[in-house]
């Protein structure tokens, strides 16, 4: 037969160090801040190009004054959310990168994209496909 060997009780799992959780939080905050700053540069490029005529080669459909779906058919025709909302949000995210502020900025971009559909460039659809999951992840 089998011989029953005496067993020792399992050692308790080591208590997590308080510094480990703080380090993880700091790493996540740093990663989010890095993402936020690169995202802000992407958002600010068309504004800088249009304001200072730096390159002149960028498509400004998302920040121009026309309404692509017909006269008065989109929200943009009644309220300049690009310069009055998107630009200040991008600047605020650059200076204060945080989850809630980024969530709001991404949400405004998705709403702006939807407002201008279907007359948007294909890269704007890819941007919206990248921003929508961020909105869902940051909202949870």
N, C-alpha and C. Protein backbone atom coordinates (compact mmCIF):
# COMPACT_ATOMS: atom_id res chain seq x y z
N UNK A 1 0.69 -1.16 0.00
CA UNK A 1 0.00 0.00 0.00
C UNK A 1 0.77 1.29 0.00
N UNK A 2 -0.06 2.21 0.28
CA UNK A 2 0.40 3.60 0.31
C UNK A 2 0.73 3.99 1.73
N UNK A 3 1.73 4.79 1.87
CA UNK A 3 2.10 5.29 3.19
C UNK A 3 1.67 6.75 3.28
N UNK A 4 0.97 7.12 4.31
CA UNK A 4 0.53 8.50 4.51
C UNK A 4 1.65 9.25 5.20
N UNK A 5 2.12 10.28 4.52
CA UNK A 5 3.19 11.09 5.10
C UNK A 5 2.59 12.29 5.80
N UNK A 6 3.16 12.68 6.90
CA UNK A 6 2.66 13.89 7.57
C UNK A 6 2.88 15.10 6.66
N UNK A 7 1.92 15.99 6.64
CA UNK A 7 2.04 17.19 5.80
C UNK A 7 2.18 18.41 6.68
N UNK A 8 2.85 19.35 6.16
CA UNK A 8 2.98 20.62 6.86
C UNK A 8 1.90 21.55 6.33
N UNK A 9 1.37 22.37 7.20
CA UNK A 9 0.38 23.34 6.68
C UNK A 9 1.05 24.27 5.68
N UNK A 10 0.28 24.64 4.67
CA UNK A 10 0.82 25.54 3.65
C UNK A 10 1.18 26.87 4.28
N UNK A 11 2.30 27.37 3.85
CA UNK A 11 2.74 28.67 4.37
C UNK A 11 1.80 29.75 3.84
N UNK A 12 1.47 30.68 4.69
CA UNK A 12 0.58 31.76 4.22
C UNK A 12 1.27 32.56 3.12
N UNK A 13 0.47 33.01 2.20
CA UNK A 13 1.02 33.82 1.11
C UNK A 13 1.61 35.09 1.69
N UNK A 14 2.73 35.51 1.14
CA UNK A 14 3.33 36.73 1.69
C UNK A 14 2.40 37.92 1.45
N UNK A 15 2.33 38.77 2.44
CA UNK A 15 1.47 39.96 2.33
C UNK A 15 2.05 40.89 1.26
N UNK A 16 1.19 41.40 0.41
CA UNK A 16 1.73 42.32 -0.60
C UNK A 16 2.26 43.57 0.08
N UNK A 17 3.34 44.04 -0.47
CA UNK A 17 3.93 45.26 0.08
C UNK A 17 3.09 46.44 -0.36
N UNK A 18 2.89 47.34 0.54
CA UNK A 18 2.11 48.53 0.20
C UNK A 18 2.77 49.28 -0.94
N UNK A 19 4.09 49.24 -1.02
CA UNK A 19 4.80 49.93 -2.09
C UNK A 19 4.51 49.34 -3.46
N UNK A 20 4.20 48.04 -3.52
CA UNK A 20 3.93 47.40 -4.81
C UNK A 20 2.68 47.97 -5.45
N UNK A 21 1.61 48.12 -4.66
CA UNK A 21 0.38 48.69 -5.19
C UNK A 21 0.58 50.13 -5.61
N UNK A 22 1.32 50.87 -4.80
CA UNK A 22 1.58 52.27 -5.14
C UNK A 22 2.43 52.37 -6.39
N UNK A 23 3.39 51.45 -6.53
CA UNK A 23 4.25 51.46 -7.71
C UNK A 23 3.42 51.13 -8.96
N UNK A 24 2.53 50.17 -8.84
CA UNK A 24 1.67 49.80 -9.97
C UNK A 24 0.78 50.97 -10.37
N UNK A 25 0.20 51.66 -9.38
CA UNK A 25 -0.63 52.83 -9.66
C UNK A 25 0.20 53.92 -10.33
N UNK A 26 1.41 54.12 -9.85
CA UNK A 26 2.28 55.14 -10.43
C UNK A 26 2.65 54.79 -11.88
N UNK A 27 2.89 53.51 -12.13
CA UNK A 27 3.21 53.07 -13.49
C UNK A 27 2.01 53.27 -14.42
N UNK A 28 0.82 52.94 -13.95
CA UNK A 28 -0.38 53.13 -14.76
C UNK A 28 -0.62 54.60 -15.04
N UNK A 29 -0.43 55.44 -14.03
CA UNK A 29 -0.62 56.88 -14.22
C UNK A 29 0.41 57.42 -15.22
N UNK A 30 1.65 56.96 -15.11
CA UNK A 30 2.70 57.40 -16.04
C UNK A 30 2.39 56.95 -17.46
N UNK A 31 1.90 55.72 -17.61
CA UNK A 31 1.55 55.22 -18.94
C UNK A 31 0.39 56.02 -19.54
N UNK A 32 -0.61 56.30 -18.72
CA UNK A 32 -1.75 57.09 -19.19
C UNK A 32 -1.32 58.51 -19.55
N UNK A 33 -0.44 59.09 -18.76
CA UNK A 33 0.06 60.45 -19.06
C UNK A 33 0.85 60.47 -20.37
N UNK A 34 1.63 59.43 -20.62
CA UNK A 34 2.38 59.35 -21.88
C UNK A 34 1.42 59.23 -23.06
N UNK A 35 0.45 58.34 -22.95
CA UNK A 35 -0.57 58.21 -24.00
C UNK A 35 -1.26 59.54 -24.22
N UNK A 36 -1.66 60.20 -23.12
CA UNK A 36 -2.39 61.47 -23.22
C UNK A 36 -1.59 62.51 -23.96
N UNK A 37 -0.32 62.61 -23.68
CA UNK A 37 0.49 63.64 -24.33
C UNK A 37 0.66 63.37 -25.82
N UNK A 38 0.87 62.12 -26.20
CA UNK A 38 0.96 61.82 -27.63
C UNK A 38 -0.39 62.05 -28.31
N UNK A 39 -1.47 61.66 -27.65
CA UNK A 39 -2.80 61.88 -28.21
C UNK A 39 -3.05 63.37 -28.39
N UNK A 40 -2.65 64.17 -27.42
CA UNK A 40 -2.83 65.63 -27.51
C UNK A 40 -2.06 66.22 -28.67
N UNK A 41 -0.84 65.75 -28.90
CA UNK A 41 -0.08 66.25 -30.05
C UNK A 41 -0.81 65.96 -31.35
N UNK A 42 -1.40 64.78 -31.44
CA UNK A 42 -2.19 64.42 -32.62
C UNK A 42 -3.40 65.33 -32.76
N UNK A 43 -4.04 65.65 -31.65
CA UNK A 43 -5.23 66.51 -31.67
C UNK A 43 -4.87 67.96 -31.99
N UNK A 44 -3.74 68.42 -31.50
CA UNK A 44 -3.36 69.83 -31.65
C UNK A 44 -2.76 70.15 -33.02
N UNK A 45 -2.25 69.15 -33.73
CA UNK A 45 -1.59 69.41 -35.02
C UNK A 45 -2.49 70.14 -36.02
N UNK A 46 -3.75 69.72 -36.24
CA UNK A 46 -4.57 70.46 -37.21
C UNK A 46 -4.89 71.89 -36.75
N UNK A 47 -5.03 72.09 -35.45
CA UNK A 47 -5.30 73.44 -34.94
C UNK A 47 -4.09 74.34 -35.20
N UNK A 48 -2.89 73.82 -34.90
CA UNK A 48 -1.67 74.60 -35.12
C UNK A 48 -1.49 74.88 -36.60
N UNK A 49 -1.75 73.88 -37.44
CA UNK A 49 -1.59 74.05 -38.88
C UNK A 49 -2.54 75.12 -39.40
N UNK A 50 -3.78 75.08 -38.96
CA UNK A 50 -4.75 76.06 -39.44
C UNK A 50 -4.49 77.45 -38.85
N UNK A 51 -4.13 77.52 -37.58
CA UNK A 51 -3.92 78.82 -36.92
C UNK A 51 -2.66 79.52 -37.42
N UNK A 52 -1.61 78.77 -37.69
CA UNK A 52 -0.33 79.37 -38.06
C UNK A 52 0.08 79.12 -39.49
N UNK A 53 -0.77 78.43 -40.28
CA UNK A 53 -0.47 78.09 -41.67
C UNK A 53 0.92 77.47 -41.79
N UNK A 54 1.18 76.46 -40.96
CA UNK A 54 2.50 75.84 -40.93
C UNK A 54 2.75 74.96 -42.15
N UNK A 55 1.85 74.06 -42.44
CA UNK A 55 2.08 73.13 -43.54
C UNK A 55 1.08 73.36 -44.66
N UNK A 56 -0.15 73.59 -44.33
CA UNK A 56 -1.16 73.81 -45.34
C UNK A 56 -1.62 72.56 -46.05
N UNK A 57 -1.06 71.41 -45.68
CA UNK A 57 -1.39 70.18 -46.37
C UNK A 57 -2.36 69.31 -45.59
N UNK A 58 -2.75 69.71 -44.40
CA UNK A 58 -3.62 68.88 -43.59
C UNK A 58 -5.08 69.13 -43.95
N UNK A 59 -5.86 68.08 -43.85
CA UNK A 59 -7.29 68.23 -44.08
C UNK A 59 -7.92 68.81 -42.82
N UNK A 60 -8.62 69.90 -42.96
CA UNK A 60 -9.22 70.57 -41.81
C UNK A 60 -10.72 70.37 -41.75
N UNK A 61 -11.21 69.33 -42.40
CA UNK A 61 -12.65 69.14 -42.42
C UNK A 61 -13.24 69.05 -41.02
N UNK A 62 -12.49 68.48 -40.08
CA UNK A 62 -13.01 68.36 -38.72
C UNK A 62 -12.99 69.68 -37.96
N UNK A 63 -12.23 70.68 -38.45
CA UNK A 63 -12.21 71.95 -37.73
C UNK A 63 -12.52 73.13 -38.66
N UNK A 64 -13.10 72.87 -39.80
CA UNK A 64 -13.48 73.99 -40.65
C UNK A 64 -14.89 74.44 -40.30
N UNK A 65 -15.38 75.43 -40.98
CA UNK A 65 -16.68 76.00 -40.63
C UNK A 65 -17.84 75.43 -41.44
N UNK A 66 -17.55 74.58 -42.37
CA UNK A 66 -18.64 74.05 -43.19
C UNK A 66 -19.35 72.91 -42.48
N UNK A 67 -20.57 72.69 -42.89
CA UNK A 67 -21.34 71.57 -42.38
C UNK A 67 -21.47 70.59 -43.53
N UNK A 68 -20.88 69.44 -43.41
CA UNK A 68 -20.73 68.53 -44.55
C UNK A 68 -22.03 67.85 -44.97
N UNK A 69 -23.02 67.80 -44.09
CA UNK A 69 -24.24 67.07 -44.44
C UNK A 69 -25.35 67.99 -44.93
N UNK A 70 -25.04 69.22 -45.17
CA UNK A 70 -26.03 70.17 -45.68
C UNK A 70 -26.13 71.38 -44.77
N UNK A 71 -26.65 72.47 -45.26
CA UNK A 71 -26.71 73.70 -44.47
C UNK A 71 -27.51 73.50 -43.18
N UNK A 72 -26.88 73.77 -42.05
CA UNK A 72 -27.54 73.70 -40.76
C UNK A 72 -27.90 72.31 -40.29
N UNK A 73 -27.38 71.26 -40.96
CA UNK A 73 -27.78 69.89 -40.63
C UNK A 73 -26.97 69.29 -39.49
N UNK A 74 -25.83 69.87 -39.15
CA UNK A 74 -25.04 69.30 -38.05
C UNK A 74 -24.90 70.32 -36.93
N UNK A 75 -24.58 69.82 -35.78
CA UNK A 75 -24.42 70.65 -34.59
C UNK A 75 -23.34 71.71 -34.80
N UNK A 76 -22.31 71.36 -35.52
CA UNK A 76 -21.18 72.27 -35.76
C UNK A 76 -21.62 73.57 -36.42
N UNK A 77 -22.69 73.55 -37.19
CA UNK A 77 -23.18 74.75 -37.86
C UNK A 77 -23.74 75.76 -36.86
N UNK A 78 -24.12 75.29 -35.68
CA UNK A 78 -24.75 76.16 -34.68
C UNK A 78 -23.83 76.48 -33.50
N UNK A 79 -22.80 75.64 -33.28
CA UNK A 79 -21.92 75.83 -32.13
C UNK A 79 -20.52 75.35 -32.51
N UNK A 80 -19.54 76.20 -32.38
CA UNK A 80 -18.16 75.89 -32.77
C UNK A 80 -17.48 75.04 -31.70
N UNK A 81 -17.84 73.76 -31.64
CA UNK A 81 -17.27 72.91 -30.60
C UNK A 81 -15.82 72.55 -30.85
N UNK A 82 -15.33 72.75 -32.06
CA UNK A 82 -13.92 72.45 -32.32
C UNK A 82 -13.01 73.41 -31.55
N UNK A 83 -13.16 74.70 -31.80
CA UNK A 83 -12.29 75.69 -31.18
C UNK A 83 -12.71 75.99 -29.74
N UNK A 84 -13.98 75.86 -29.42
CA UNK A 84 -14.45 76.23 -28.08
C UNK A 84 -14.46 75.07 -27.09
N UNK A 85 -14.45 73.83 -27.58
CA UNK A 85 -14.49 72.67 -26.68
C UNK A 85 -13.30 71.74 -26.91
N UNK A 86 -13.13 71.28 -28.16
CA UNK A 86 -12.06 70.31 -28.42
C UNK A 86 -10.67 70.87 -28.15
N UNK A 87 -10.39 72.10 -28.61
CA UNK A 87 -9.07 72.69 -28.39
C UNK A 87 -8.76 72.88 -26.90
N UNK A 88 -9.66 73.52 -26.12
CA UNK A 88 -9.36 73.64 -24.68
C UNK A 88 -9.21 72.29 -23.97
N UNK A 89 -10.01 71.30 -24.37
CA UNK A 89 -9.89 69.97 -23.77
C UNK A 89 -8.54 69.34 -24.09
N UNK A 90 -8.10 69.46 -25.33
CA UNK A 90 -6.80 68.90 -25.71
C UNK A 90 -5.67 69.58 -24.93
N UNK A 91 -5.76 70.88 -24.78
CA UNK A 91 -4.73 71.60 -24.00
C UNK A 91 -4.79 71.20 -22.52
N UNK A 92 -5.98 71.06 -21.98
CA UNK A 92 -6.12 70.64 -20.58
C UNK A 92 -5.57 69.23 -20.38
N UNK A 93 -5.83 68.33 -21.33
CA UNK A 93 -5.30 66.96 -21.23
C UNK A 93 -3.78 66.94 -21.32
N UNK A 94 -3.23 67.86 -22.09
CA UNK A 94 -1.78 67.95 -22.20
C UNK A 94 -1.16 68.37 -20.87
N UNK A 95 -1.81 69.31 -20.19
CA UNK A 95 -1.28 69.81 -18.93
C UNK A 95 -1.66 68.94 -17.73
N UNK A 96 -2.85 68.37 -17.76
CA UNK A 96 -3.36 67.58 -16.63
C UNK A 96 -3.89 66.23 -17.13
N UNK A 97 -2.99 65.34 -17.56
CA UNK A 97 -3.46 64.06 -18.10
C UNK A 97 -4.08 63.18 -17.03
N UNK A 98 -5.38 63.02 -17.10
CA UNK A 98 -6.09 62.16 -16.15
C UNK A 98 -7.19 61.40 -16.88
N UNK A 99 -7.61 60.31 -16.27
CA UNK A 99 -8.59 59.42 -16.91
C UNK A 99 -9.90 60.14 -17.22
N UNK A 100 -10.45 60.89 -16.28
CA UNK A 100 -11.76 61.52 -16.50
C UNK A 100 -11.70 62.61 -17.57
N UNK A 101 -10.64 63.39 -17.55
CA UNK A 101 -10.50 64.45 -18.55
C UNK A 101 -10.29 63.85 -19.94
N UNK A 102 -9.48 62.80 -20.02
CA UNK A 102 -9.29 62.12 -21.30
C UNK A 102 -10.58 61.47 -21.79
N UNK A 103 -11.33 60.91 -20.86
CA UNK A 103 -12.62 60.31 -21.22
C UNK A 103 -13.52 61.36 -21.85
N UNK A 104 -13.62 62.51 -21.24
CA UNK A 104 -14.45 63.58 -21.79
C UNK A 104 -13.95 64.04 -23.15
N UNK A 105 -12.64 64.22 -23.30
CA UNK A 105 -12.08 64.66 -24.57
C UNK A 105 -12.32 63.64 -25.68
N UNK A 106 -12.14 62.36 -25.38
CA UNK A 106 -12.40 61.32 -26.37
C UNK A 106 -13.89 61.26 -26.73
N UNK A 107 -14.72 61.40 -25.74
CA UNK A 107 -16.17 61.37 -25.98
C UNK A 107 -16.59 62.53 -26.89
N UNK A 108 -16.05 63.71 -26.65
CA UNK A 108 -16.35 64.87 -27.50
C UNK A 108 -15.89 64.60 -28.94
N UNK A 109 -14.74 63.97 -29.10
CA UNK A 109 -14.26 63.64 -30.45
C UNK A 109 -15.19 62.65 -31.15
N UNK A 110 -15.63 61.64 -30.43
CA UNK A 110 -16.53 60.64 -31.03
C UNK A 110 -17.85 61.30 -31.42
N UNK A 111 -18.37 62.16 -30.56
CA UNK A 111 -19.63 62.87 -30.88
C UNK A 111 -19.42 63.78 -32.10
N UNK A 112 -18.28 64.47 -32.16
CA UNK A 112 -17.99 65.32 -33.31
C UNK A 112 -17.89 64.53 -34.60
N UNK A 113 -17.27 63.36 -34.51
CA UNK A 113 -17.17 62.50 -35.69
C UNK A 113 -18.56 62.04 -36.14
N UNK A 114 -19.38 61.62 -35.18
CA UNK A 114 -20.73 61.16 -35.51
C UNK A 114 -21.58 62.30 -36.07
N UNK A 115 -21.35 63.51 -35.56
CA UNK A 115 -22.08 64.68 -36.04
C UNK A 115 -21.78 64.95 -37.51
N UNK A 116 -20.59 64.66 -37.94
CA UNK A 116 -20.19 64.97 -39.32
C UNK A 116 -20.35 63.79 -40.27
N UNK A 117 -20.73 62.64 -39.77
CA UNK A 117 -20.93 61.48 -40.66
C UNK A 117 -22.02 61.79 -41.68
N UNK A 118 -21.95 61.34 -42.88
CA UNK A 118 -20.97 60.43 -43.45
C UNK A 118 -19.80 61.14 -44.12
N UNK A 119 -19.77 62.45 -44.09
CA UNK A 119 -18.75 63.19 -44.83
C UNK A 119 -17.48 63.39 -44.00
N UNK A 120 -16.80 62.30 -43.72
CA UNK A 120 -15.52 62.36 -43.01
C UNK A 120 -14.50 61.55 -43.81
N UNK A 121 -13.24 61.85 -43.58
CA UNK A 121 -12.18 61.10 -44.24
C UNK A 121 -12.05 59.73 -43.58
N UNK A 122 -11.50 58.78 -44.32
CA UNK A 122 -11.38 57.42 -43.80
C UNK A 122 -10.52 57.35 -42.53
N UNK A 123 -9.46 58.16 -42.45
CA UNK A 123 -8.63 58.10 -41.25
C UNK A 123 -9.41 58.54 -40.01
N UNK A 124 -10.43 59.38 -40.21
CA UNK A 124 -11.25 59.81 -39.08
C UNK A 124 -12.07 58.64 -38.54
N UNK A 125 -12.46 57.74 -39.43
CA UNK A 125 -13.17 56.54 -38.97
C UNK A 125 -12.24 55.67 -38.14
N UNK A 126 -10.97 55.55 -38.58
CA UNK A 126 -10.01 54.77 -37.80
C UNK A 126 -9.76 55.42 -36.45
N UNK A 127 -9.69 56.74 -36.42
CA UNK A 127 -9.52 57.44 -35.15
C UNK A 127 -10.71 57.18 -34.23
N UNK A 128 -11.91 57.23 -34.78
CA UNK A 128 -13.10 56.98 -33.97
C UNK A 128 -13.12 55.54 -33.47
N UNK A 129 -12.65 54.60 -34.30
CA UNK A 129 -12.58 53.20 -33.87
C UNK A 129 -11.57 53.01 -32.75
N UNK A 130 -10.57 53.87 -32.68
CA UNK A 130 -9.60 53.80 -31.59
C UNK A 130 -10.10 54.54 -30.35
N UNK A 131 -10.86 55.60 -30.55
CA UNK A 131 -11.31 56.41 -29.42
C UNK A 131 -12.51 55.78 -28.71
N UNK A 132 -13.39 55.14 -29.44
CA UNK A 132 -14.57 54.55 -28.82
C UNK A 132 -14.21 53.49 -27.76
N UNK A 133 -13.27 52.57 -28.03
CA UNK A 133 -12.90 51.62 -26.97
C UNK A 133 -12.26 52.30 -25.76
N UNK A 134 -11.52 53.40 -26.01
CA UNK A 134 -10.95 54.13 -24.88
C UNK A 134 -12.07 54.68 -24.01
N UNK A 135 -13.10 55.21 -24.64
CA UNK A 135 -14.24 55.75 -23.90
C UNK A 135 -14.86 54.63 -23.05
N UNK A 136 -15.07 53.48 -23.64
CA UNK A 136 -15.67 52.36 -22.90
C UNK A 136 -14.77 51.90 -21.75
N UNK A 137 -13.47 51.82 -22.01
CA UNK A 137 -12.54 51.35 -20.96
C UNK A 137 -12.40 52.38 -19.85
N UNK A 138 -12.33 53.64 -20.20
CA UNK A 138 -12.15 54.68 -19.18
C UNK A 138 -13.42 54.91 -18.37
N UNK A 139 -14.57 54.58 -18.96
CA UNK A 139 -15.84 54.79 -18.26
C UNK A 139 -16.09 53.71 -17.22
N UNK A 140 -15.39 52.59 -17.31
CA UNK A 140 -15.62 51.50 -16.35
C UNK A 140 -14.61 51.52 -15.22
